[in-house]
Amino acid sequence: FSNIKRKIRFRRKVDNVKEKGKNIINSPKD
């Protein structure tokens, strides 16, 4: 169970990083 939780947390972190990267790319430039 703890290993499954670690994998879920790791996936969430990867998804957050990807989401932030997309937001930076799609954000309007000054």
All heavy atoms as atom14 arrays in JSON, in Angstrom:
{
  "sequence": "FSNIKRKIRFRRKVDNVKEKGKNIINSPKD",
  "atom14_mask": [
    [1, 1, 1, 1, 1, 1, 1, 1, 1, 1, 1, 0, 0, 0],
    [1, 1, 1, 1, 1, 1, 0, 0, 0, 0, 0, 0, 0, 0],
    [1, 1, 1, 1, 1, 1, 1, 1, 0, 0, 0, 0, 0, 0],
    [1, 1, 1, 1, 1, 1, 1, 1, 0, 0, 0, 0, 0, 0],
    [1, 1, 1, 1, 1, 1, 1, 1, 1, 0, 0, 0, 0, 0],
    [1, 1, 1, 1, 1, 1, 1, 1, 1, 1, 1, 0, 0, 0],
    [1, 1, 1, 1, 1, 1, 1, 1, 1, 0, 0, 0, 0, 0],
    [1, 1, 1, 1, 1, 1, 1, 1, 0, 0, 0, 0, 0, 0],
    [1, 1, 1, 1, 1, 1, 1, 1, 1, 1, 1, 0, 0, 0],
    [1, 1, 1, 1, 1, 1, 1, 1, 1, 1, 1, 0, 0, 0],
    [1, 1, 1, 1, 1, 1, 1, 1, 1, 1, 1, 0, 0, 0],
    [1, 1, 1, 1, 1, 1, 1, 1, 1, 1, 1, 0, 0, 0],
    [1, 1, 1, 1, 1, 1, 1, 1, 1, 0, 0, 0, 0, 0],
    [1, 1, 1, 1, 1, 1, 1, 0, 0, 0, 0, 0, 0, 0],
    [1, 1, 1, 1, 1, 1, 1, 1, 0, 0, 0, 0, 0, 0],
    [1, 1, 1, 1, 1, 1, 1, 1, 0, 0, 0, 0, 0, 0],
    [1, 1, 1, 1, 1, 1, 1, 0, 0, 0, 0, 0, 0, 0],
    [1, 1, 1, 1, 1, 1, 1, 1, 1, 0, 0, 0, 0, 0],
    [1, 1, 1, 1, 1, 1, 1, 1, 1, 0, 0, 0, 0, 0],
    [1, 1, 1, 1, 1, 1, 1, 1, 1, 0, 0, 0, 0, 0],
    [1, 1, 1, 1, 0, 0, 0, 0, 0, 0, 0, 0, 0, 0],
    [1, 1, 1, 1, 1, 1, 1, 1, 1, 0, 0, 0, 0, 0],
    [1, 1, 1, 1, 1, 1, 1, 1, 0, 0, 0, 0, 0, 0],
    [1, 1, 1, 1, 1, 1, 1, 1, 0, 0, 0, 0, 0, 0],
    [1, 1, 1, 1, 1, 1, 1, 1, 0, 0, 0, 0, 0, 0],
    [1, 1, 1, 1, 1, 1, 1, 1, 0, 0, 0, 0, 0, 0],
    [1, 1, 1, 1, 1, 1, 0, 0, 0, 0, 0, 0, 0, 0],
    [1, 1, 1, 1, 1, 1, 1, 0, 0, 0, 0, 0, 0, 0],
    [1, 1, 1, 1, 1, 1, 1, 1, 1, 0, 0, 0, 0, 0],
    [1, 1, 1, 1, 1, 1, 1, 1, 0, 0, 0, 0, 0, 0]
  ],
  "atom14_positions": [
    [[0.82, -1.21, 0.0], [0.0, 0.0, 0.0], [0.86, 1.26, 0.0], [0.57, 2.21, -0.72], [-0.9, -0.02, 1.23], [-1.84, 1.16, 1.31], [-2.82, 1.35, 0.35], [-1.74, 2.08, 2.34], [-3.67, 2.44, 0.42], [-2.59, 3.16, 2.42], [-3.56, 3.34, 1.45], [0.0, 0.0, 0.0], [0.0, 0.0, 0.0], [0.0, 0.0, 0.0]],
    [[1.93, 1.26, 0.81], [2.79, 2.45, 0.87], [3.5, 2.69, -0.46], [3.71, 3.84, -0.86], [3.82, 2.31, 1.99], [4.62, 1.17, 1.77], [0.0, 0.0, 0.0], [0.0, 0.0, 0.0], [0.0, 0.0, 0.0], [0.0, 0.0, 0.0], [0.0, 0.0, 0.0], [0.0, 0.0, 0.0], [0.0, 0.0, 0.0], [0.0, 0.0, 0.0]],
    [[3.86, 1.61, -1.16], [4.52, 1.79, -2.45], [3.54, 2.35, -3.48], [3.91, 3.19, -4.31], [5.08, 0.45, -2.94], [5.96, 0.62, -4.16], [6.92, 1.37, -4.14], [5.62, -0.07, -5.24], [0.0, 0.0, 0.0], [0.0, 0.0, 0.0], [0.0, 0.0, 0.0], [0.0, 0.0, 0.0], [0.0, 0.0, 0.0], [0.0, 0.0, 0.0]],
    [[2.31, 1.89, -3.42], [1.29, 2.43, -4.32], [1.09, 3.92, -4.06], [0.97, 4.72, -4.99], [-0.03, 1.67, -4.16], [0.13, 0.22, -4.64], [-1.17, 2.35, -4.91], [-1.06, -0.67, -4.34], [0.0, 0.0, 0.0], [0.0, 0.0, 0.0], [0.0, 0.0, 0.0], [0.0, 0.0, 0.0], [0.0, 0.0, 0.0], [0.0, 0.0, 0.0]],
    [[1.07, 4.31, -2.78], [0.92, 5.73, -2.44], [2.11, 6.54, -2.95], [1.93, 7.66, -3.43], [0.79, 5.89, -0.92], [-0.54, 5.41, -0.36], [-0.78, 5.96, 1.03], [0.24, 5.44, 2.0], [-0.03, 5.91, 3.39], [0.0, 0.0, 0.0], [0.0, 0.0, 0.0], [0.0, 0.0, 0.0], [0.0, 0.0, 0.0], [0.0, 0.0, 0.0]],
    [[3.32, 5.97, -2.84], [4.5, 6.68, -3.36], [4.39, 6.9, -4.86], [4.72, 7.97, -5.37], [5.77, 5.89, -3.03], [6.22, 5.99, -1.58], [7.65, 5.52, -1.42], [7.8, 4.13, -1.78], [7.68, 3.12, -0.92], [7.38, 3.37, 0.35], [7.85, 1.88, -1.31], [0.0, 0.0, 0.0], [0.0, 0.0, 0.0], [0.0, 0.0, 0.0]],
    [[3.92, 5.86, -5.57], [3.77, 5.99, -7.02], [2.72, 7.05, -7.38], [2.9, 7.83, -8.32], [3.4, 4.63, -7.63], [4.53, 3.62, -7.6], [4.09, 2.29, -8.2], [5.22, 1.28, -8.18], [4.81, -0.02, -8.74], [0.0, 0.0, 0.0], [0.0, 0.0, 0.0], [0.0, 0.0, 0.0], [0.0, 0.0, 0.0], [0.0, 0.0, 0.0]],
    [[1.62, 7.07, -6.61], [0.58, 8.06, -6.87], [1.1, 9.47, -6.63], [0.86, 10.4, -7.43], [-0.66, 7.77, -5.99], [-1.32, 6.46, -6.42], [-1.65, 8.93, -6.05], [-2.43, 6.01, -5.49], [0.0, 0.0, 0.0], [0.0, 0.0, 0.0], [0.0, 0.0, 0.0], [0.0, 0.0, 0.0], [0.0, 0.0, 0.0], [0.0, 0.0, 0.0]],
    [[1.83, 9.66, -5.5], [2.39, 10.98, -5.21], [3.39, 11.41, -6.29], [3.41, 12.57, -6.71], [3.08, 10.97, -3.84], [2.12, 10.98, -2.66], [2.82, 11.39, -1.38], [3.85, 10.43, -1.01], [3.66, 9.41, -0.2], [2.46, 9.21, 0.35], [4.65, 8.58, 0.11], [0.0, 0.0, 0.0], [0.0, 0.0, 0.0], [0.0, 0.0, 0.0]],
    [[4.19, 10.45, -6.75], [5.17, 10.77, -7.79], [4.46, 11.18, -9.08], [4.85, 12.17, -9.74], [6.07, 9.56, -8.05], [7.1, 9.78, -9.13], [8.21, 10.58, -8.89], [6.95, 9.21, -10.38], [9.16, 10.8, -9.88], [7.87, 9.41, -11.38], [9.0, 10.21, -11.13], [0.0, 0.0, 0.0], [0.0, 0.0, 0.0], [0.0, 0.0, 0.0]],
    [[3.4, 10.47, -9.46], [2.66, 10.82, -10.67], [2.03, 12.21, -10.54], [2.02, 12.99, -11.5], [1.55, 9.79, -10.92], [2.05, 8.45, -11.46], [0.93, 7.69, -12.14], [1.28, 6.29, -12.31], [0.87, 5.31, -11.53], [0.08, 5.6, -10.5], [1.22, 4.07, -11.75], [0.0, 0.0, 0.0], [0.0, 0.0, 0.0], [0.0, 0.0, 0.0]],
    [[1.51, 12.51, -9.35], [0.91, 13.82, -9.14], [1.94, 14.94, -9.29], [1.66, 16.0, -9.87], [0.26, 13.89, -7.76], [-1.04, 13.09, -7.67], [-1.59, 13.08, -6.26], [-2.84, 12.35, -6.17], [-3.45, 12.06, -5.03], [-2.91, 12.44, -3.86], [-4.59, 11.4, -5.03], [0.0, 0.0, 0.0], [0.0, 0.0, 0.0], [0.0, 0.0, 0.0]],
    [[3.14, 14.69, -8.74], [4.19, 15.7, -8.88], [4.57, 15.9, -10.34], [4.76, 17.03, -10.8], [5.42, 15.27, -8.07], [5.24, 15.37, -6.57], [6.49, 14.93, -5.83], [6.28, 15.04, -4.31], [7.49, 14.58, -3.58], [0.0, 0.0, 0.0], [0.0, 0.0, 0.0], [0.0, 0.0, 0.0], [0.0, 0.0, 0.0], [0.0, 0.0, 0.0]],
    [[4.68, 14.79, -11.08], [5.0, 14.89, -12.52], [3.9, 15.64, -13.25], [4.16, 16.52, -14.09], [5.2, 13.48, -13.12], [5.33, 13.57, -14.64], [6.45, 12.83, -12.53], [0.0, 0.0, 0.0], [0.0, 0.0, 0.0], [0.0, 0.0, 0.0], [0.0, 0.0, 0.0], [0.0, 0.0, 0.0], [0.0, 0.0, 0.0], [0.0, 0.0, 0.0]],
    [[2.64, 15.33, -12.93], [1.52, 16.01, -13.58], [1.51, 17.49, -13.24], [1.21, 18.33, -14.12], [0.19, 15.36, -13.15], [0.03, 13.96, -13.7], [0.71, 13.64, -14.7], [-0.78, 13.19, -13.13], [0.0, 0.0, 0.0], [0.0, 0.0, 0.0], [0.0, 0.0, 0.0], [0.0, 0.0, 0.0], [0.0, 0.0, 0.0], [0.0, 0.0, 0.0]],
    [[1.84, 17.84, -11.99], [1.89, 19.26, -11.59], [2.97, 20.01, -12.35], [2.78, 21.14, -12.79], [2.13, 19.38, -10.09], [0.92, 18.96, -9.27], [-0.2, 18.99, -9.77], [1.14, 18.56, -8.03], [0.0, 0.0, 0.0], [0.0, 0.0, 0.0], [0.0, 0.0, 0.0], [0.0, 0.0, 0.0], [0.0, 0.0, 0.0], [0.0, 0.0, 0.0]],
    [[4.14, 19.33, -12.5], [5.23, 19.97, -13.24], [4.83, 20.18, -14.7], [5.08, 21.25, -15.28], [6.52, 19.12, -13.14], [7.58, 19.64, -14.11], [7.05, 19.12, -11.72], [0.0, 0.0, 0.0], [0.0, 0.0, 0.0], [0.0, 0.0, 0.0], [0.0, 0.0, 0.0], [0.0, 0.0, 0.0], [0.0, 0.0, 0.0], [0.0, 0.0, 0.0]],
    [[4.19, 19.18, -15.29], [3.74, 19.3, -16.67], [2.71, 20.42, -16.82], [2.75, 21.21, -17.77], [3.13, 17.98, -17.16], [4.16, 16.88, -17.39], [3.46, 15.61, -17.87], [4.46, 14.51, -18.14], [3.78, 13.25, -18.59], [0.0, 0.0, 0.0], [0.0, 0.0, 0.0], [0.0, 0.0, 0.0], [0.0, 0.0, 0.0], [0.0, 0.0, 0.0]],
    [[1.79, 20.51, -15.85], [0.75, 21.54, -15.89], [1.36, 22.93, -15.78], [0.96, 23.86, -16.5], [-0.25, 21.29, -14.76], [-1.5, 22.15, -14.84], [-2.34, 21.83, -16.06], [-2.33, 20.67, -16.51], [-3.01, 22.75, -16.57], [0.0, 0.0, 0.0], [0.0, 0.0, 0.0], [0.0, 0.0, 0.0], [0.0, 0.0, 0.0], [0.0, 0.0, 0.0]],
    [[2.31, 23.07, -14.87], [2.98, 24.38, -14.73], [3.73, 24.74, -15.99], [3.75, 25.9, -16.43], [3.94, 24.34, -13.53], [3.25, 24.31, -12.18], [4.27, 24.24, -11.05], [3.56, 24.19, -9.69], [4.54, 24.07, -8.57], [0.0, 0.0, 0.0], [0.0, 0.0, 0.0], [0.0, 0.0, 0.0], [0.0, 0.0, 0.0], [0.0, 0.0, 0.0]],
    [[4.37, 23.73, -16.61], [5.08, 23.98, -17.86], [4.15, 24.44, -18.96], [4.46, 25.38, -19.71], [0.0, 0.0, 0.0], [0.0, 0.0, 0.0], [0.0, 0.0, 0.0], [0.0, 0.0, 0.0], [0.0, 0.0, 0.0], [0.0, 0.0, 0.0], [0.0, 0.0, 0.0], [0.0, 0.0, 0.0], [0.0, 0.0, 0.0], [0.0, 0.0, 0.0]],
    [[2.97, 23.81, -19.05], [1.99, 24.21, -20.06], [1.49, 25.63, -19.8], [1.31, 26.42, -20.73], [0.81, 23.23, -20.06], [1.14, 21.86, -20.63], [-0.09, 20.96, -20.58], [0.23, 19.58, -21.11], [-0.95, 18.67, -21.03], [0.0, 0.0, 0.0], [0.0, 0.0, 0.0], [0.0, 0.0, 0.0], [0.0, 0.0, 0.0], [0.0, 0.0, 0.0]],
    [[1.27, 25.95, -18.5], [0.79, 27.29, -18.16], [1.81, 28.36, -18.53], [1.45, 29.44, -19.0], [0.47, 27.37, -16.66], [-0.74, 26.52, -16.29], [-1.58, 26.23, -17.15], [-0.83, 26.13, -15.02], [0.0, 0.0, 0.0], [0.0, 0.0, 0.0], [0.0, 0.0, 0.0], [0.0, 0.0, 0.0], [0.0, 0.0, 0.0], [0.0, 0.0, 0.0]],
    [[3.08, 28.04, -18.29], [4.14, 29.01, -18.64], [4.19, 29.21, -20.14], [4.32, 30.34, -20.64], [5.5, 28.53, -18.1], [5.49, 28.56, -16.57], [6.63, 29.38, -18.65], [6.73, 27.93, -15.94], [0.0, 0.0, 0.0], [0.0, 0.0, 0.0], [0.0, 0.0, 0.0], [0.0, 0.0, 0.0], [0.0, 0.0, 0.0], [0.0, 0.0, 0.0]],
    [[4.09, 28.1, -20.88], [4.15, 28.2, -22.35], [2.96, 28.95, -22.91], [3.08, 29.79, -23.82], [4.24, 26.8, -22.97], [5.58, 26.12, -22.6], [4.1, 26.86, -24.48], [5.67, 24.67, -22.99], [0.0, 0.0, 0.0], [0.0, 0.0, 0.0], [0.0, 0.0, 0.0], [0.0, 0.0, 0.0], [0.0, 0.0, 0.0], [0.0, 0.0, 0.0]],
    [[1.76, 28.68, -22.34], [0.54, 29.29, -22.87], [0.24, 30.65, -22.3], [-0.69, 31.34, -22.77], [-0.64, 28.36, -22.57], [-0.51, 27.02, -23.29], [0.08, 26.96, -24.38], [-1.03, 25.96, -22.69], [0.0, 0.0, 0.0], [0.0, 0.0, 0.0], [0.0, 0.0, 0.0], [0.0, 0.0, 0.0], [0.0, 0.0, 0.0], [0.0, 0.0, 0.0]],
    [[0.96, 31.08, -21.25], [0.68, 32.39, -20.65], [1.09, 33.49, -21.62], [2.1, 33.38, -22.33], [1.43, 32.53, -19.33], [2.82, 32.46, -19.56], [0.0, 0.0, 0.0], [0.0, 0.0, 0.0], [0.0, 0.0, 0.0], [0.0, 0.0, 0.0], [0.0, 0.0, 0.0], [0.0, 0.0, 0.0], [0.0, 0.0, 0.0], [0.0, 0.0, 0.0]],
    [[0.32, 34.63, -21.67], [0.66, 35.75, -22.57], [1.99, 36.39, -22.17], [2.27, 36.6, -20.99], [-0.5, 36.72, -22.37], [-1.08, 36.36, -21.04], [-0.88, 34.9, -20.86], [0.0, 0.0, 0.0], [0.0, 0.0, 0.0], [0.0, 0.0, 0.0], [0.0, 0.0, 0.0], [0.0, 0.0, 0.0], [0.0, 0.0, 0.0], [0.0, 0.0, 0.0]],
    [[2.82, 36.65, -23.14], [4.14, 37.25, -22.88], [4.01, 38.78, -22.8], [3.19, 39.4, -23.46], [5.1, 36.9, -23.99], [5.37, 35.41, -24.08], [6.35, 35.12, -25.2], [6.65, 33.62, -25.28], [7.59, 33.31, -26.38], [0.0, 0.0, 0.0], [0.0, 0.0, 0.0], [0.0, 0.0, 0.0], [0.0, 0.0, 0.0], [0.0, 0.0, 0.0]],
    [[4.83, 39.37, -21.92], [4.84, 40.84, -21.8], [5.46, 41.46, -23.05], [6.43, 40.99, -23.63], [5.69, 41.25, -20.59], [5.06, 40.74, -19.3], [3.82, 40.56, -19.3], [5.81, 40.53, -18.32], [0.0, 0.0, 0.0], [0.0, 0.0, 0.0], [0.0, 0.0, 0.0], [0.0, 0.0, 0.0], [0.0, 0.0, 0.0], [0.0, 0.0, 0.0]]
  ]
}
